[in-house]
Amino acid sequence: MFCNFAVACERTLDVGEDNASTGQVKNSVLQVRTRGASGDGATVVYPVAVYVFEGDECKASQTIGDEGQTLNVALTEGTYSVYAVGGVPASDYVLPSVSDALTTSAIALQEGKVLTDLMTASAMVTLVDGGANTVTLGMTRKTMLIQDVTIKKVPSTATAVTVTIAPLWQSLTIGGTYSTTNGNSTITLIRQEDGRTWKNNGSTYLLPPCSQPQRECEHHRGRHDKDLYLQYQRRTGGGI
Protein backbone atom coordinates (compact mmCIF):
# COMPACT_ATOMS: atom_id res chain seq x y z
CA MET A 1 0.00 0.00 0.00
CA PHE A 2 1.38 3.34 -1.02
CA CYS A 3 0.36 6.33 1.09
CA ASN A 4 0.90 9.74 -0.38
CA PHE A 5 0.57 12.54 2.15
CA ALA A 6 -0.59 14.84 0.06
CA VAL A 7 -1.11 17.49 3.13
CA ALA A 8 -5.11 34.86 -12.66
CA CYS A 9 -7.32 37.75 -12.42
CA GLU A 10 -8.30 38.75 -8.91
CA ARG A 11 -11.78 39.24 -7.50
CA THR A 12 -12.87 40.41 -4.08
CA LEU A 13 -15.72 39.31 -1.86
CA ASP A 14 -16.88 41.80 0.76
CA VAL A 15 -18.27 40.69 4.10
CA GLY A 16 -19.71 43.71 5.83
CA GLU A 17 -21.46 42.21 8.83
CA ASP A 18 -20.99 39.42 11.34
CA ASN A 19 -23.52 37.88 13.69
CA ALA A 20 -22.03 39.28 16.88
CA SER A 21 -22.33 43.01 16.32
CA THR A 22 -21.39 45.22 19.25
CA GLY A 23 -22.67 48.45 17.76
CA GLN A 24 -19.15 49.65 16.98
CA VAL A 25 -18.43 50.95 13.51
CA LYS A 26 -16.63 48.36 11.43
CA ASN A 27 -14.29 50.66 9.58
CA SER A 28 -11.27 48.32 9.42
CA VAL A 29 -10.79 45.74 6.69
CA LEU A 30 -9.17 42.33 6.82
CA GLN A 31 -8.19 40.93 3.43
CA VAL A 32 -7.71 37.14 3.25
CA ARG A 33 -5.94 35.24 0.49
CA THR A 34 -4.70 31.65 0.20
CA ARG A 35 -1.71 29.86 -1.27
CA GLY A 36 0.05 26.52 -0.90
CA ALA A 37 2.45 26.35 2.06
CA SER A 38 6.08 27.14 1.25
CA GLY A 39 8.04 24.02 0.34
CA ASP A 40 4.91 21.86 0.33
CA GLY A 41 4.34 22.06 -3.40
CA ALA A 42 0.64 21.63 -2.80
CA THR A 43 -2.10 23.16 -4.90
CA VAL A 44 -4.83 24.67 -2.75
CA VAL A 45 -8.11 22.78 -2.90
CA TYR A 46 -11.23 24.97 -3.02
CA PRO A 47 -13.61 26.06 -1.71
CA VAL A 48 -11.87 27.35 1.43
CA ALA A 49 -14.03 28.10 4.48
CA VAL A 50 -12.59 31.04 6.47
CA TYR A 51 -13.45 31.76 10.11
CA VAL A 52 -12.37 34.91 11.96
CA PHE A 53 -12.22 34.82 15.77
CA GLU A 54 -11.69 37.51 18.36
CA GLY A 55 -10.67 35.54 21.40
CA ASP A 56 -13.07 32.61 21.66
CA GLU A 57 -15.85 34.35 19.72
CA CYS A 58 -16.36 33.84 16.01
CA LYS A 59 -16.91 37.21 14.34
CA ALA A 60 -17.25 36.27 10.68
CA SER A 61 -17.30 33.32 8.31
CA GLN A 62 -17.10 33.27 4.53
CA THR A 63 -15.91 31.10 1.67
CA ILE A 64 -13.16 31.66 -0.87
CA GLY A 65 -14.31 29.96 -4.06
CA ASP A 66 -11.11 29.90 -6.11
CA GLU A 67 -7.52 31.13 -6.25
CA GLY A 68 -8.45 34.41 -7.92
CA GLN A 69 -10.64 35.54 -5.05
CA THR A 70 -9.70 37.81 -2.13
CA LEU A 71 -11.99 37.94 0.87
CA ASN A 72 -12.63 41.38 2.44
CA VAL A 73 -14.01 41.27 5.98
CA ALA A 74 -15.19 44.48 7.70
CA LEU A 75 -14.26 44.46 11.39
CA THR A 76 -13.59 46.79 14.30
CA GLU A 77 -10.02 47.39 15.41
CA GLY A 78 -8.47 44.58 17.41
CA THR A 79 -6.49 41.37 17.21
CA TYR A 80 -8.03 38.42 15.38
CA SER A 81 -7.25 34.77 14.74
CA VAL A 82 -7.99 33.61 11.20
CA TYR A 83 -8.58 29.93 10.41
CA ALA A 84 -9.16 28.30 7.03
CA VAL A 85 -10.21 24.81 5.96
CA GLY A 86 -9.82 23.97 2.28
CA GLY A 87 -11.67 21.42 0.17
CA VAL A 88 -15.01 21.66 1.99
CA PRO A 89 -17.93 22.27 -0.40
CA ALA A 90 -21.25 22.71 1.40
CA SER A 91 -22.64 19.85 -0.69
CA ASP A 92 -20.24 17.42 1.03
CA TYR A 93 -19.60 18.91 4.49
CA VAL A 94 -21.55 20.44 7.37
CA LEU A 95 -19.90 23.79 8.11
CA PRO A 96 -20.50 25.41 11.53
CA SER A 97 -22.32 28.76 11.46
CA VAL A 98 -20.83 31.95 12.94
CA SER A 99 -23.02 31.67 16.02
CA ASP A 100 -22.03 28.05 16.66
CA ALA A 101 -18.39 27.99 15.56
CA LEU A 102 -15.54 27.22 17.96
CA THR A 103 -11.96 26.50 16.99
CA THR A 104 -12.63 22.94 18.19
CA SER A 105 -15.77 22.54 16.07
CA ALA A 106 -15.56 19.56 13.72
CA ILE A 107 -16.05 19.81 9.97
CA ALA A 108 -18.45 16.89 9.55
CA LEU A 109 -19.27 14.96 6.39
CA GLN A 110 -22.77 15.09 4.98
CA GLU A 111 -24.67 11.82 5.12
CA GLY A 112 -23.49 9.42 2.43
CA LYS A 113 -20.43 11.48 1.43
CA VAL A 114 -16.81 10.34 1.50
CA LEU A 115 -13.74 12.18 2.74
CA THR A 116 -11.98 14.42 0.21
CA ASP A 117 -8.61 16.16 0.14
CA LEU A 118 -8.50 18.63 3.06
CA MET A 119 -6.14 21.49 3.92
CA THR A 120 -5.89 23.99 6.79
CA ALA A 121 -4.11 27.20 7.74
CA SER A 122 -4.20 29.80 10.50
CA ALA A 123 -2.77 33.23 11.27
CA MET A 124 -3.09 36.06 13.76
CA VAL A 125 -3.58 39.64 12.58
CA THR A 126 -4.04 43.04 14.23
CA LEU A 127 -6.28 45.74 12.73
CA VAL A 128 -6.07 49.44 13.60
CA ASP A 129 -9.04 51.77 13.48
CA GLY A 130 -9.78 52.72 9.88
CA GLY A 131 -6.92 50.59 8.54
CA ALA A 132 -6.59 47.50 6.38
CA ASN A 133 -4.41 44.44 6.72
CA THR A 134 -3.84 41.55 4.33
CA VAL A 135 -3.13 38.00 5.46
CA THR A 136 -2.07 35.27 3.05
CA LEU A 137 -2.74 31.84 4.46
CA GLY A 138 -0.32 29.04 3.56
CA MET A 139 -2.52 25.97 3.27
CA THR A 140 -1.10 22.58 4.33
CA ARG A 141 -2.53 19.15 3.57
CA LYS A 142 -4.23 17.25 6.41
CA THR A 143 -5.14 13.96 4.72
CA MET A 144 -3.30 10.95 3.38
CA LEU A 145 -4.05 9.37 0.02
CA ILE A 146 -4.26 5.60 -0.36
CA GLN A 147 -3.46 5.06 -4.02
CA ASP A 148 -2.71 1.37 -4.39
CA VAL A 149 -3.56 -1.66 -2.27
CA THR A 150 -2.57 -5.02 -3.76
CA ILE A 151 -2.64 -8.45 -2.15
CA LYS A 152 -1.15 -11.34 -4.11
CA LYS A 153 -1.34 -15.12 -3.79
CA VAL A 154 -4.81 -15.06 -2.31
CA PRO A 155 -6.38 -18.55 -2.31
CA SER A 156 -8.51 -19.02 -5.40
CA THR A 157 -11.45 -20.09 -3.21
CA ALA A 158 -11.71 -16.59 -1.71
CA THR A 159 -14.85 -14.71 -2.70
CA ALA A 160 -14.18 -11.39 -0.94
CA VAL A 161 -11.13 -9.49 0.31
CA THR A 162 -11.18 -6.31 2.40
CA VAL A 163 -8.50 -4.26 4.12
CA THR A 164 -9.37 -2.28 7.26
CA ILE A 165 -7.03 0.49 8.41
CA ALA A 166 -7.25 1.61 12.05
CA PRO A 167 -7.10 3.50 14.35
CA LEU A 168 -7.64 6.76 12.46
CA TRP A 169 -8.73 10.24 13.43
CA GLN A 170 -12.39 10.71 12.58
CA SER A 171 -12.70 14.46 12.04
CA LEU A 172 -10.86 17.71 11.37
CA THR A 173 -11.61 20.91 13.30
CA ILE A 174 -11.80 24.57 12.30
CA GLY A 175 -8.57 25.14 14.21
CA GLY A 176 -6.73 22.57 12.08
CA THR A 177 -6.44 19.87 14.76
CA TYR A 178 -7.85 16.36 14.65
CA SER A 179 -10.60 15.08 16.92
CA THR A 180 -12.30 11.82 17.86
CA THR A 181 -10.07 8.76 17.95
CA ASN A 182 -10.51 5.12 16.96
CA GLY A 183 -11.94 5.66 13.52
CA ASN A 184 -11.37 3.13 10.75
CA SER A 185 -11.68 2.75 7.01
CA THR A 186 -12.41 -0.47 5.12
CA ILE A 187 -11.25 -0.80 1.52
CA THR A 188 -12.89 -3.46 -0.65
CA LEU A 189 -10.55 -5.16 -3.11
CA ILE A 190 -11.44 -6.54 -6.55
CA ARG A 191 -10.26 -9.86 -7.94
CA GLN A 192 -7.88 -9.51 -10.90
CA GLU A 193 -7.69 -11.65 -14.03
CA ASP A 194 -5.18 -14.13 -12.58
CA GLY A 195 -7.73 -15.06 -9.91
CA ARG A 196 -5.26 -14.71 -7.04
CA THR A 197 -4.42 -11.02 -7.05
CA TRP A 198 -6.82 -8.50 -5.47
CA LYS A 199 -6.56 -4.72 -5.84
CA ASN A 200 -8.48 -1.63 -4.82
CA ASN A 201 -10.47 0.31 -7.39
CA GLY A 202 -9.55 4.01 -7.16
CA SER A 203 -7.86 6.20 -4.58
CA THR A 204 -9.15 6.87 -1.06
CA TYR A 205 -8.54 9.87 1.20
CA LEU A 206 -8.12 9.20 4.91
CA LEU A 207 -7.30 11.23 7.98
CA PRO A 208 -4.00 10.18 9.61
CA PRO A 209 -3.64 7.49 12.28
CA CYS A 210 -4.38 8.64 15.83
CA SER A 211 -1.71 6.16 17.02
CA GLN A 212 0.42 3.42 15.50
CA PRO A 213 -1.83 2.04 12.71
CA GLN A 214 -2.98 -1.54 12.45
CA ARG A 215 -4.34 -3.36 9.47
CA GLU A 216 -6.75 -6.24 9.19
CA CYS A 217 -7.05 -8.30 6.03
CA GLU A 218 -9.84 -10.79 5.52
CA HIS A 219 -10.13 -13.48 2.88
CA HIS A 220 -13.41 -15.41 2.83
CA ARG A 221 -13.34 -18.99 1.47
CA GLY A 222 -16.87 -19.22 0.25
CA ARG A 223 -20.26 -17.65 0.53
CA HIS A 224 -21.57 -20.43 2.79
CA ASP A 225 -18.43 -20.99 4.86
CA LYS A 226 -18.82 -19.35 8.25
CA ASP A 227 -15.13 -19.72 9.11
CA LEU A 228 -12.71 -16.95 8.37
CA TYR A 229 -10.03 -18.35 6.11
CA LEU A 230 -7.34 -15.82 7.05
CA GLN A 231 -7.35 -12.95 9.46
CA TYR A 232 -4.30 -11.23 10.76
CA GLN A 233 -3.47 -8.04 12.54
CA ARG A 234 0.00 -6.61 12.71
CA ARG A 235 1.76 -3.38 13.37
CA THR A 236 2.73 -1.50 10.26
CA GLY A 237 4.68 1.66 9.57
CA GLY A 238 4.50 1.28 5.83
CA GLY A 239 2.33 -0.23 3.15
CA ILE A 240 0.61 -3.52 2.68
C-alpha atoms as a PDB file:
ATOM      1  CA  MET A   1       0.000   0.000   0.000  1.00  0.00           C
ATOM      2  CA  PHE A   2       1.381   3.343  -1.020  1.00  0.00           C
ATOM      3  CA  CYS A   3       0.364   6.330   1.087  1.00  0.00           C
ATOM      4  CA  ASN A   4       0.895   9.744  -0.381  1.00  0.00           C
ATOM      5  CA  PHE A   5       0.570  12.538   2.153  1.00  0.00           C
ATOM      6  CA  ALA A   6      -0.587  14.840   0.057  1.00  0.00           C
ATOM      7  CA  VAL A   7      -1.106  17.491   3.125  1.00  0.00           C
ATOM      8  CA  ALA A   8      -5.105  34.859 -12.656  1.00  0.00           C
ATOM      9  CA  CYS A   9      -7.317  37.755 -12.422  1.00  0.00           C
ATOM     10  CA  GLU A  10      -8.298  38.751  -8.910  1.00  0.00           C
ATOM     11  CA  ARG A  11     -11.778  39.237  -7.503  1.00  0.00           C
ATOM     12  CA  THR A  12     -12.868  40.412  -4.076  1.00  0.00           C
ATOM     13  CA  LEU A  13     -15.719  39.310  -1.864  1.00  0.00           C
ATOM     14  CA  ASP A  14     -16.884  41.800   0.761  1.00  0.00           C
ATOM     15  CA  VAL A  15     -18.265  40.691   4.098  1.00  0.00           C
ATOM     16  CA  GLY A  16     -19.706  43.715   5.830  1.00  0.00           C
ATOM     17  CA  GLU A  17     -21.460  42.210   8.832  1.00  0.00           C
ATOM     18  CA  ASP A  18     -20.986  39.421  11.340  1.00  0.00           C
ATOM     19  CA  ASN A  19     -23.519  37.881  13.686  1.00  0.00           C
ATOM     20  CA  ALA A  20     -22.032  39.281  16.883  1.00  0.00           C
ATOM     21  CA  SER A  21     -22.334  43.009  16.321  1.00  0.00           C
ATOM     22  CA  THR A  22     -21.389  45.224  19.252  1.00  0.00           C
ATOM     23  CA  GLY A  23     -22.668  48.454  17.763  1.00  0.00           C
ATOM     24  CA  GLN A  24     -19.154  49.655  16.980  1.00  0.00           C
ATOM     25  CA  VAL A  25     -18.425  50.949  13.509  1.00  0.00           C
ATOM     26  CA  LYS A  26     -16.628  48.365  11.429  1.00  0.00           C
ATOM     27  CA  ASN A  27     -14.290  50.656   9.582  1.00  0.00           C
ATOM     28  CA  SER A  28     -11.274  48.318   9.425  1.00  0.00           C
ATOM     29  CA  VAL A  29     -10.793  45.735   6.689  1.00  0.00           C
ATOM     30  CA  LEU A  30      -9.169  42.326   6.824  1.00  0.00           C
ATOM     31  CA  GLN A  31      -8.190  40.933   3.429  1.00  0.00           C
ATOM     32  CA  VAL A  32      -7.707  37.143   3.250  1.00  0.00           C
ATOM     33  CA  ARG A  33      -5.936  35.243   0.491  1.00  0.00           C
ATOM     34  CA  THR A  34      -4.704  31.653   0.202  1.00  0.00           C
ATOM     35  CA  ARG A  35      -1.710  29.858  -1.270  1.00  0.00           C
ATOM     36  CA  GLY A  36       0.052  26.522  -0.900  1.00  0.00           C
ATOM     37  CA  ALA A  37       2.447  26.352   2.055  1.00  0.00           C
ATOM     38  CA  SER A  38       6.081  27.139   1.253  1.00  0.00           C
ATOM     39  CA  GLY A  39       8.038  24.023   0.336  1.00  0.00           C
ATOM     40  CA  ASP A  40       4.910  21.858   0.325  1.00  0.00           C
ATOM     41  CA  GLY A  41       4.336  22.058  -3.404  1.00  0.00           C
ATOM     42  CA  ALA A  42       0.636  21.630  -2.798  1.00  0.00           C
ATOM     43  CA  THR A  43      -2.102  23.157  -4.900  1.00  0.00           C
ATOM     44  CA  VAL A  44      -4.826  24.667  -2.751  1.00  0.00           C
ATOM     45  CA  VAL A  45      -8.113  22.782  -2.896  1.00  0.00           C
ATOM     46  CA  TYR A  46     -11.226  24.967  -3.023  1.00  0.00           C
ATOM     47  CA  PRO A  47     -13.611  26.062  -1.715  1.00  0.00           C
ATOM     48  CA  VAL A  48     -11.869  27.346   1.427  1.00  0.00           C
ATOM     49  CA  ALA A  49     -14.032  28.104   4.476  1.00  0.00           C
ATOM     50  CA  VAL A  50     -12.591  31.040   6.465  1.00  0.00           C
ATOM     51  CA  TYR A  51     -13.453  31.758  10.111  1.00  0.00           C
ATOM     52  CA  VAL A  52     -12.374  34.906  11.955  1.00  0.00           C
ATOM     53  CA  PHE A  53     -12.219  34.816  15.765  1.00  0.00           C
ATOM     54  CA  GLU A  54     -11.690  37.515  18.360  1.00  0.00           C
ATOM     55  CA  GLY A  55     -10.674  35.540  21.399  1.00  0.00           C
ATOM     56  CA  ASP A  56     -13.073  32.606  21.662  1.00  0.00           C
ATOM     57  CA  GLU A  57     -15.854  34.345  19.722  1.00  0.00           C
ATOM     58  CA  CYS A  58     -16.356  33.839  16.006  1.00  0.00           C
ATOM     59  CA  LYS A  59     -16.907  37.208  14.337  1.00  0.00           C
ATOM     60  CA  ALA A  60     -17.248  36.266  10.682  1.00  0.00           C
ATOM     61  CA  SER A  61     -17.298  33.324   8.314  1.00  0.00           C
ATOM     62  CA  GLN A  62     -17.096  33.275   4.535  1.00  0.00           C
ATOM     63  CA  THR A  63     -15.913  31.101   1.672  1.00  0.00           C
ATOM     64  CA  ILE A  64     -13.159  31.659  -0.874  1.00  0.00           C
ATOM     65  CA  GLY A  65     -14.314  29.961  -4.055  1.00  0.00           C
ATOM     66  CA  ASP A  66     -11.114  29.905  -6.112  1.00  0.00           C
ATOM     67  CA  GLU A  67      -7.521  31.126  -6.248  1.00  0.00           C
ATOM     68  CA  GLY A  68      -8.448  34.408  -7.916  1.00  0.00           C
ATOM     69  CA  GLN A  69     -10.643  35.540  -5.045  1.00  0.00           C
ATOM     70  CA  THR A  70      -9.696  37.806  -2.133  1.00  0.00           C
ATOM     71  CA  LEU A  71     -11.986  37.944   0.871  1.00  0.00           C
ATOM     72  CA  ASN A  72     -12.626  41.376   2.443  1.00  0.00           C
ATOM     73  CA  VAL A  73     -14.007  41.271   5.985  1.00  0.00           C
ATOM     74  CA  ALA A  74     -15.193  44.478   7.700  1.00  0.00           C
ATOM     75  CA  LEU A  75     -14.256  44.456  11.391  1.00  0.00           C
ATOM     76  CA  THR A  76     -13.593  46.790  14.301  1.00  0.00           C
ATOM     77  CA  GLU A  77     -10.020  47.394  15.405  1.00  0.00           C
ATOM     78  CA  GLY A  78      -8.473  44.584  17.408  1.00  0.00           C
ATOM     79  CA  THR A  79      -6.493  41.369  17.208  1.00  0.00           C
ATOM     80  CA  TYR A  80      -8.027  38.424  15.385  1.00  0.00           C
ATOM     81  CA  SER A  81      -7.250  34.770  14.740  1.00  0.00           C
ATOM     82  CA  VAL A  82      -7.989  33.607  11.197  1.00  0.00           C
ATOM     83  CA  TYR A  83      -8.583  29.929  10.413  1.00  0.00           C
ATOM     84  CA  ALA A  84      -9.163  28.303   7.034  1.00  0.00           C
ATOM     85  CA  VAL A  85     -10.206  24.808   5.965  1.00  0.00           C
ATOM     86  CA  GLY A  86      -9.820  23.965   2.283  1.00  0.00           C
ATOM     87  CA  GLY A  87     -11.671  21.421   0.174  1.00  0.00           C
ATOM     88  CA  VAL A  88     -15.013  21.662   1.986  1.00  0.00           C
ATOM     89  CA  PRO A  89     -17.933  22.271  -0.403  1.00  0.00           C
ATOM     90  CA  ALA A  90     -21.247  22.707   1.397  1.00  0.00           C
ATOM     91  CA  SER A  91     -22.642  19.852  -0.687  1.00  0.00           C
ATOM     92  CA  ASP A  92     -20.244  17.418   1.030  1.00  0.00           C
ATOM     93  CA  TYR A  93     -19.600  18.915   4.487  1.00  0.00           C
ATOM     94  CA  VAL A  94     -21.550  20.444   7.369  1.00  0.00           C
ATOM     95  CA  LEU A  95     -19.898  23.794   8.110  1.00  0.00           C
ATOM     96  CA  PRO A  96     -20.495  25.410  11.529  1.00  0.00           C
ATOM     97  CA  SER A  97     -22.323  28.760  11.456  1.00  0.00           C
ATOM     98  CA  VAL A  98     -20.828  31.947  12.937  1.00  0.00           C
ATOM     99  CA  SER A  99     -23.018  31.672  16.024  1.00  0.00           C
ATOM    100  CA  ASP A 100     -22.028  28.047  16.662  1.00  0.00           C
ATOM    101  CA  ALA A 101     -18.392  27.991  15.562  1.00  0.00           C
ATOM    102  CA  LEU A 102     -15.543  27.216  17.958  1.00  0.00           C
ATOM    103  CA  THR A 103     -11.956  26.498  16.994  1.00  0.00           C
ATOM    104  CA  THR A 104     -12.626  22.939  18.194  1.00  0.00           C
ATOM    105  CA  SER A 105     -15.771  22.540  16.069  1.00  0.00           C
ATOM    106  CA  ALA A 106     -15.557  19.556  13.722  1.00  0.00           C
ATOM    107  CA  ILE A 107     -16.052  19.808   9.973  1.00  0.00           C
ATOM    108  CA  ALA A 108     -18.448  16.893   9.549  1.00  0.00           C
ATOM    109  CA  LEU A 109     -19.274  14.961   6.388  1.00  0.00           C
ATOM    110  CA  GLN A 110     -22.773  15.089   4.981  1.00  0.00           C
ATOM    111  CA  GLU A 111     -24.673  11.816   5.122  1.00  0.00           C
ATOM    112  CA  GLY A 112     -23.487   9.416   2.430  1.00  0.00           C
ATOM    113  CA  LYS A 113     -20.432  11.484   1.434  1.00  0.00           C
ATOM    114  CA  VAL A 114     -16.807  10.343   1.503  1.00  0.00           C
ATOM    115  CA  LEU A 115     -13.738  12.182   2.740  1.00  0.00           C
ATOM    116  CA  THR A 116     -11.977  14.416   0.211  1.00  0.00           C
ATOM    117  CA  ASP A 117      -8.611  16.164   0.137  1.00  0.00           C
ATOM    118  CA  LEU A 118      -8.498  18.628   3.059  1.00  0.00           C
ATOM    119  CA  MET A 119      -6.135  21.494   3.916  1.00  0.00           C
ATOM    120  CA  THR A 120      -5.894  23.992   6.787  1.00  0.00           C
ATOM    121  CA  ALA A 121      -4.106  27.196   7.740  1.00  0.00           C
ATOM    122  CA  SER A 122      -4.200  29.801  10.502  1.00  0.00           C
ATOM    123  CA  ALA A 123      -2.768  33.234  11.271  1.00  0.00           C
ATOM    124  CA  MET A 124      -3.087  36.062  13.764  1.00  0.00           C
ATOM    125  CA  VAL A 125      -3.583  39.640  12.584  1.00  0.00           C
ATOM    126  CA  THR A 126      -4.043  43.042  14.228  1.00  0.00           C
ATOM    127  CA  LEU A 127      -6.282  45.738  12.732  1.00  0.00           C
ATOM    128  CA  VAL A 128      -6.069  49.437  13.597  1.00  0.00           C
ATOM    129  CA  ASP A 129      -9.043  51.770  13.481  1.00  0.00           C
ATOM    130  CA  GLY A 130      -9.777  52.724   9.876  1.00  0.00           C
ATOM    131  CA  GLY A 131      -6.922  50.589   8.535  1.00  0.00           C
ATOM    132  CA  ALA A 132      -6.592  47.501   6.383  1.00  0.00           C
ATOM    133  CA  ASN A 133      -4.411  44.442   6.721  1.00  0.00           C
ATOM    134  CA  THR A 134      -3.839  41.553   4.327  1.00  0.00           C
ATOM    135  CA  VAL A 135      -3.132  38.003   5.461  1.00  0.00           C
ATOM    136  CA  THR A 136      -2.072  35.271   3.048  1.00  0.00           C
ATOM    137  CA  LEU A 137      -2.738  31.838   4.463  1.00  0.00           C
ATOM    138  CA  GLY A 138      -0.316  29.042   3.557  1.00  0.00           C
ATOM    139  CA  MET A 139      -2.518  25.967   3.266  1.00  0.00           C
ATOM    140  CA  THR A 140      -1.102  22.582   4.330  1.00  0.00           C
ATOM    141  CA  ARG A 141      -2.525  19.149   3.566  1.00  0.00           C
ATOM    142  CA  LYS A 142      -4.226  17.253   6.405  1.00  0.00           C
ATOM    143  CA  THR A 143      -5.141  13.965   4.716  1.00  0.00           C
ATOM    144  CA  MET A 144      -3.305  10.952   3.378  1.00  0.00           C
ATOM    145  CA  LEU A 145      -4.045   9.370   0.021  1.00  0.00           C
ATOM    146  CA  ILE A 146      -4.259   5.604  -0.361  1.00  0.00           C
ATOM    147  CA  GLN A 147      -3.463   5.058  -4.017  1.00  0.00           C
ATOM    148  CA  ASP A 148      -2.713   1.369  -4.392  1.00  0.00           C
ATOM    149  CA  VAL A 149      -3.560  -1.662  -2.275  1.00  0.00           C
ATOM    150  CA  THR A 150      -2.567  -5.022  -3.762  1.00  0.00           C
ATOM    151  CA  ILE A 151      -2.637  -8.452  -2.150  1.00  0.00           C
ATOM    152  CA  LYS A 152      -1.155 -11.343  -4.108  1.00  0.00           C
ATOM    153  CA  LYS A 153      -1.342 -15.125  -3.794  1.00  0.00           C
ATOM    154  CA  VAL A 154      -4.814 -15.056  -2.313  1.00  0.00           C
ATOM    155  CA  PRO A 155      -6.380 -18.546  -2.312  1.00  0.00           C
ATOM    156  CA  SER A 156      -8.511 -19.020  -5.400  1.00  0.00           C
ATOM    157  CA  THR A 157     -11.447 -20.092  -3.209  1.00  0.00           C
ATOM    158  CA  ALA A 158     -11.712 -16.588  -1.712  1.00  0.00           C
ATOM    159  CA  THR A 159     -14.852 -14.709  -2.703  1.00  0.00           C
ATOM    160  CA  ALA A 160     -14.179 -11.385  -0.941  1.00  0.00           C
ATOM    161  CA  VAL A 161     -11.133  -9.490   0.311  1.00  0.00           C
ATOM    162  CA  THR A 162     -11.180  -6.314   2.403  1.00  0.00           C
ATOM    163  CA  VAL A 163      -8.500  -4.258   4.125  1.00  0.00           C
ATOM    164  CA  THR A 164      -9.371  -2.282   7.257  1.00  0.00           C
ATOM    165  CA  ILE A 165      -7.027   0.486   8.407  1.00  0.00           C
ATOM    166  CA  ALA A 166      -7.247   1.607  12.051  1.00  0.00           C
ATOM    167  CA  PRO A 167      -7.096   3.505  14.346  1.00  0.00           C
ATOM    168  CA  LEU A 168      -7.640   6.764  12.465  1.00  0.00           C
ATOM    169  CA  TRP A 169      -8.731  10.243  13.429  1.00  0.00           C
ATOM    170  CA  GLN A 170     -12.395  10.706  12.580  1.00  0.00           C
ATOM    171  CA  SER A 171     -12.699  14.458  12.037  1.00  0.00           C
ATOM    172  CA  LEU A 172     -10.859  17.712  11.372  1.00  0.00           C
ATOM    173  CA  THR A 173     -11.606  20.908  13.300  1.00  0.00           C
ATOM    174  CA  ILE A 174     -11.804  24.570  12.302  1.00  0.00           C
ATOM    175  CA  GLY A 175      -8.566  25.142  14.207  1.00  0.00           C
ATOM    176  CA  GLY A 176      -6.729  22.566  12.083  1.00  0.00           C
ATOM    177  CA  THR A 177      -6.440  19.868  14.756  1.00  0.00           C
ATOM    178  CA  TYR A 178      -7.846  16.355  14.645  1.00  0.00           C
ATOM    179  CA  SER A 179     -10.598  15.082  16.917  1.00  0.00           C
ATOM    180  CA  THR A 180     -12.304  11.824  17.857  1.00  0.00           C
ATOM    181  CA  THR A 181     -10.068   8.763  17.948  1.00  0.00           C
ATOM    182  CA  ASN A 182     -10.508   5.116  16.962  1.00  0.00           C
ATOM    183  CA  GLY A 183     -11.943   5.663  13.515  1.00  0.00           C
ATOM    184  CA  ASN A 184     -11.372   3.133  10.747  1.00  0.00           C
ATOM    185  CA  SER A 185     -11.682   2.750   7.007  1.00  0.00           C
ATOM    186  CA  THR A 186     -12.409  -0.466   5.119  1.00  0.00           C
ATOM    187  CA  ILE A 187     -11.250  -0.797   1.523  1.00  0.00           C
ATOM    188  CA  THR A 188     -12.887  -3.460  -0.654  1.00  0.00           C
ATOM    189  CA  LEU A 189     -10.555  -5.158  -3.111  1.00  0.00           C
ATOM    190  CA  ILE A 190     -11.440  -6.542  -6.546  1.00  0.00           C
ATOM    191  CA  ARG A 191     -10.256  -9.863  -7.941  1.00  0.00           C
ATOM    192  CA  GLN A 192      -7.881  -9.514 -10.902  1.00  0.00           C
ATOM    193  CA  GLU A 193      -7.695 -11.654 -14.031  1.00  0.00           C
ATOM    194  CA  ASP A 194      -5.184 -14.134 -12.581  1.00  0.00           C
ATOM    195  CA  GLY A 195      -7.732 -15.059  -9.910  1.00  0.00           C
ATOM    196  CA  ARG A 196      -5.259 -14.709  -7.037  1.00  0.00           C
ATOM    197  CA  THR A 197      -4.416 -11.019  -7.051  1.00  0.00           C
ATOM    198  CA  TRP A 198      -6.816  -8.502  -5.467  1.00  0.00           C
ATOM    199  CA  LYS A 199      -6.556  -4.720  -5.844  1.00  0.00           C
ATOM    200  CA  ASN A 200      -8.484  -1.631  -4.822  1.00  0.00           C
ATOM    201  CA  ASN A 201     -10.469   0.311  -7.391  1.00  0.00           C
ATOM    202  CA  GLY A 202      -9.550   4.008  -7.161  1.00  0.00           C
ATOM    203  CA  SER A 203      -7.858   6.195  -4.578  1.00  0.00           C
ATOM    204  CA  THR A 204      -9.146   6.867  -1.061  1.00  0.00           C
ATOM    205  CA  TYR A 205      -8.536   9.865   1.196  1.00  0.00           C
ATOM    206  CA  LEU A 206      -8.125   9.198   4.907  1.00  0.00           C
ATOM    207  CA  LEU A 207      -7.297  11.230   7.984  1.00  0.00           C
ATOM    208  CA  PRO A 208      -3.999  10.176   9.609  1.00  0.00           C
ATOM    209  CA  PRO A 209      -3.637   7.489  12.283  1.00  0.00           C
ATOM    210  CA  CYS A 210      -4.383   8.639  15.826  1.00  0.00           C
ATOM    211  CA  SER A 211      -1.713   6.163  17.023  1.00  0.00           C
ATOM    212  CA  GLN A 212       0.422   3.421  15.497  1.00  0.00           C
ATOM    213  CA  PRO A 213      -1.827   2.037  12.714  1.00  0.00           C
ATOM    214  CA  GLN A 214      -2.980  -1.542  12.450  1.00  0.00           C
ATOM    215  CA  ARG A 215      -4.338  -3.363   9.467  1.00  0.00           C
ATOM    216  CA  GLU A 216      -6.751  -6.245   9.185  1.00  0.00           C
ATOM    217  CA  CYS A 217      -7.050  -8.302   6.030  1.00  0.00           C
ATOM    218  CA  GLU A 218      -9.844 -10.792   5.525  1.00  0.00           C
ATOM    219  CA  HIS A 219     -10.133 -13.478   2.880  1.00  0.00           C
ATOM    220  CA  HIS A 220     -13.406 -15.405   2.828  1.00  0.00           C
ATOM    221  CA  ARG A 221     -13.335 -18.986   1.470  1.00  0.00           C
ATOM    222  CA  GLY A 222     -16.871 -19.217   0.253  1.00  0.00           C
ATOM    223  CA  ARG A 223     -20.257 -17.648   0.529  1.00  0.00           C
ATOM    224  CA  HIS A 224     -21.567 -20.428   2.794  1.00  0.00           C
ATOM    225  CA  ASP A 225     -18.428 -20.987   4.858  1.00  0.00           C
ATOM    226  CA  LYS A 226     -18.818 -19.350   8.249  1.00  0.00           C
ATOM    227  CA  ASP A 227     -15.135 -19.722   9.114  1.00  0.00           C
ATOM    228  CA  LEU A 228     -12.712 -16.947   8.372  1.00  0.00           C
ATOM    229  CA  TYR A 229     -10.028 -18.352   6.115  1.00  0.00           C
ATOM    230  CA  LEU A 230      -7.340 -15.820   7.055  1.00  0.00           C
ATOM    231  CA  GLN A 231      -7.348 -12.953   9.462  1.00  0.00           C
ATOM    232  CA  TYR A 232      -4.301 -11.226  10.759  1.00  0.00           C
ATOM    233  CA  GLN A 233      -3.475  -8.042  12.544  1.00  0.00           C
ATOM    234  CA  ARG A 234      -0.004  -6.608  12.705  1.00  0.00           C
ATOM    235  CA  ARG A 235       1.758  -3.379  13.373  1.00  0.00           C
ATOM    236  CA  THR A 236       2.735  -1.495  10.256  1.00  0.00           C
ATOM    237  CA  GLY A 237       4.680   1.659   9.574  1.00  0.00           C
ATOM    238  CA  GLY A 238       4.502   1.282   5.833  1.00  0.00           C
ATOM    239  CA  GLY A 239       2.328  -0.229   3.150  1.00  0.00           C
ATOM    240  CA  ILE A 240       0.606  -3.516   2.682  1.00  0.00           C
END
